[in-house]
Amino acid sequence: MANHKSSKKAIRSSAKKRLMNRYQHVTTRNMVKRLRTTTDHAMAVELFKTVSSALDKLAKRNIIHKNKASNNKSKLARLVNGLKTASA
């Protein structure tokens, strides 16, 4: 158990940060899943913009690694471009 005032505060603040990071991570994962199940190209393009932005934010805040964010964005971009050729 923490004995100092500062360590008690650090425990409280880290718990809040952990909850917020988990919320943002799960929300982004759900957006990625929704994008992967989309079959409409126009809708996929709009979703891709928000998903790539969310992935960049997670990488900027060190919630996920920057290479994981770019890897996910690359795969999703290929998926969205594949929808364009499939529907045309």
C-alpha atoms as a PDB file:
ATOM      1  CA  MET A   1       0.000   0.000   0.000  1.00  0.00           C
ATOM      2  CA  ALA A   2       1.204   3.505  -0.798  1.00  0.00           C
ATOM      3  CA  ASN A   3       2.492   5.534   2.114  1.00  0.00           C
ATOM      4  CA  HIS A   4       3.173   8.940   0.569  1.00  0.00           C
ATOM      5  CA  LYS A   5       0.679  11.485  -0.598  1.00  0.00           C
ATOM      6  CA  SER A   6       2.293  11.707  -4.036  1.00  0.00           C
ATOM      7  CA  SER A   7       2.298   7.944  -4.563  1.00  0.00           C
ATOM      8  CA  LYS A   8      -1.399   7.757  -3.641  1.00  0.00           C
ATOM      9  CA  LYS A   9      -2.128  10.456  -6.196  1.00  0.00           C
ATOM     10  CA  ALA A  10      -0.006   8.640  -8.790  1.00  0.00           C
ATOM     11  CA  ILE A  11      -2.048   5.478  -8.252  1.00  0.00           C
ATOM     12  CA  ARG A  12      -5.302   7.401  -8.675  1.00  0.00           C
ATOM     13  CA  SER A  13      -4.194   9.224 -11.796  1.00  0.00           C
ATOM     14  CA  SER A  14      -2.693   6.127 -13.430  1.00  0.00           C
ATOM     15  CA  ALA A  15      -5.957   4.261 -12.863  1.00  0.00           C
ATOM     16  CA  LYS A  16      -7.886   7.054 -14.603  1.00  0.00           C
ATOM     17  CA  LYS A  17      -5.421   7.110 -17.490  1.00  0.00           C
ATOM     18  CA  ARG A  18      -5.597   3.330 -17.826  1.00  0.00           C
ATOM     19  CA  LEU A  19      -9.392   3.412 -18.083  1.00  0.00           C
ATOM     20  CA  MET A  20      -9.312   6.179 -20.689  1.00  0.00           C
ATOM     21  CA  ASN A  21      -6.642   4.408 -22.740  1.00  0.00           C
ATOM     22  CA  ARG A  22      -8.626   1.161 -22.669  1.00  0.00           C
ATOM     23  CA  TYR A  23     -11.801   2.993 -23.715  1.00  0.00           C
ATOM     24  CA  GLN A  24     -10.046   4.634 -26.673  1.00  0.00           C
ATOM     25  CA  HIS A  25      -8.385   1.380 -27.698  1.00  0.00           C
ATOM     26  CA  VAL A  26     -11.615  -0.619 -27.610  1.00  0.00           C
ATOM     27  CA  THR A  27     -13.513   2.110 -29.460  1.00  0.00           C
ATOM     28  CA  THR A  28     -10.931   2.139 -32.233  1.00  0.00           C
ATOM     29  CA  ARG A  29     -10.956  -1.656 -32.464  1.00  0.00           C
ATOM     30  CA  ASN A  30     -14.742  -1.574 -32.881  1.00  0.00           C
ATOM     31  CA  MET A  31     -14.415   1.023 -35.648  1.00  0.00           C
ATOM     32  CA  VAL A  32     -11.883  -1.211 -37.428  1.00  0.00           C
ATOM     33  CA  LYS A  33     -14.255  -4.181 -37.166  1.00  0.00           C
ATOM     34  CA  ARG A  34     -17.109  -2.099 -38.574  1.00  0.00           C
ATOM     35  CA  LEU A  35     -14.896  -0.999 -41.487  1.00  0.00           C
ATOM     36  CA  ARG A  36     -13.839  -4.583 -42.221  1.00  0.00           C
ATOM     37  CA  THR A  37     -17.463  -5.737 -42.456  1.00  0.00           C
ATOM     38  CA  THR A  38     -18.539  -2.871 -44.735  1.00  0.00           C
ATOM     39  CA  THR A  39     -19.249  -3.759 -48.356  1.00  0.00           C
ATOM     40  CA  ASP A  40     -20.195  -0.293 -49.653  1.00  0.00           C
ATOM     41  CA  HIS A  41     -17.192   1.593 -51.065  1.00  0.00           C
ATOM     42  CA  ALA A  42     -18.455   5.124 -50.343  1.00  0.00           C
ATOM     43  CA  MET A  43     -19.230   4.270 -46.749  1.00  0.00           C
ATOM     44  CA  ALA A  44     -15.887   2.497 -46.385  1.00  0.00           C
ATOM     45  CA  VAL A  45     -14.015   5.596 -47.568  1.00  0.00           C
ATOM     46  CA  GLU A  46     -15.709   7.746 -44.923  1.00  0.00           C
ATOM     47  CA  LEU A  47     -15.096   5.165 -42.212  1.00  0.00           C
ATOM     48  CA  PHE A  48     -11.469   4.812 -43.283  1.00  0.00           C
ATOM     49  CA  LYS A  49     -10.865   8.524 -42.657  1.00  0.00           C
ATOM     50  CA  THR A  50     -12.130   8.311 -39.089  1.00  0.00           C
ATOM     51  CA  VAL A  51     -10.391   5.008 -38.380  1.00  0.00           C
ATOM     52  CA  SER A  52      -7.022   6.177 -39.682  1.00  0.00           C
ATOM     53  CA  SER A  53      -7.334   9.351 -37.629  1.00  0.00           C
ATOM     54  CA  ALA A  54      -8.153   7.346 -34.510  1.00  0.00           C
ATOM     55  CA  LEU A  55      -5.220   4.992 -35.109  1.00  0.00           C
ATOM     56  CA  ASP A  56      -2.872   7.964 -35.508  1.00  0.00           C
ATOM     57  CA  LYS A  57      -4.111   9.426 -32.229  1.00  0.00           C
ATOM     58  CA  LEU A  58      -3.547   6.132 -30.422  1.00  0.00           C
ATOM     59  CA  ALA A  59      -0.025   5.917 -31.816  1.00  0.00           C
ATOM     60  CA  LYS A  60       0.705   9.534 -30.906  1.00  0.00           C
ATOM     61  CA  ARG A  61      -0.317   8.891 -27.303  1.00  0.00           C
ATOM     62  CA  ASN A  62       1.677   5.623 -27.172  1.00  0.00           C
ATOM     63  CA  ILE A  63      -1.423   3.512 -26.577  1.00  0.00           C
ATOM     64  CA  ILE A  64      -0.399   1.374 -29.553  1.00  0.00           C
ATOM     65  CA  HIS A  65       2.949   1.246 -31.350  1.00  0.00           C
ATOM     66  CA  LYS A  66       3.339   3.539 -34.357  1.00  0.00           C
ATOM     67  CA  ASN A  67       4.255   0.626 -36.622  1.00  0.00           C
ATOM     68  CA  LYS A  68       1.094  -1.237 -35.597  1.00  0.00           C
ATOM     69  CA  ALA A  69      -0.969   1.827 -36.478  1.00  0.00           C
ATOM     70  CA  SER A  70       0.652   2.185 -39.892  1.00  0.00           C
ATOM     71  CA  ASN A  71       0.357  -1.556 -40.520  1.00  0.00           C
ATOM     72  CA  ASN A  72      -3.370  -1.475 -39.723  1.00  0.00           C
ATOM     73  CA  LYS A  73      -3.892   1.602 -41.883  1.00  0.00           C
ATOM     74  CA  SER A  74      -2.091  -0.042 -44.792  1.00  0.00           C
ATOM     75  CA  LYS A  75      -4.198  -3.196 -44.601  1.00  0.00           C
ATOM     76  CA  LEU A  76      -7.414  -1.209 -44.286  1.00  0.00           C
ATOM     77  CA  ALA A  77      -6.468   0.993 -47.255  1.00  0.00           C
ATOM     78  CA  ARG A  78      -5.955  -2.114 -49.389  1.00  0.00           C
ATOM     79  CA  LEU A  79      -9.331  -3.414 -48.225  1.00  0.00           C
ATOM     80  CA  VAL A  80     -11.084  -0.141 -49.131  1.00  0.00           C
ATOM     81  CA  ASN A  81      -9.383  -0.003 -52.543  1.00  0.00           C
ATOM     82  CA  GLY A  82     -10.393  -3.602 -53.155  1.00  0.00           C
ATOM     83  CA  LEU A  83     -14.009  -2.692 -52.553  1.00  0.00           C
ATOM     84  CA  LYS A  84     -13.742  -0.064 -55.289  1.00  0.00           C
ATOM     85  CA  THR A  85     -12.664  -2.593 -57.918  1.00  0.00           C
ATOM     86  CA  ALA A  86     -15.168  -5.209 -56.747  1.00  0.00           C
ATOM     87  CA  SER A  87     -18.131  -2.839 -57.016  1.00  0.00           C
ATOM     88  CA  ALA A  88     -17.090  -1.317 -60.365  1.00  0.00           C
END
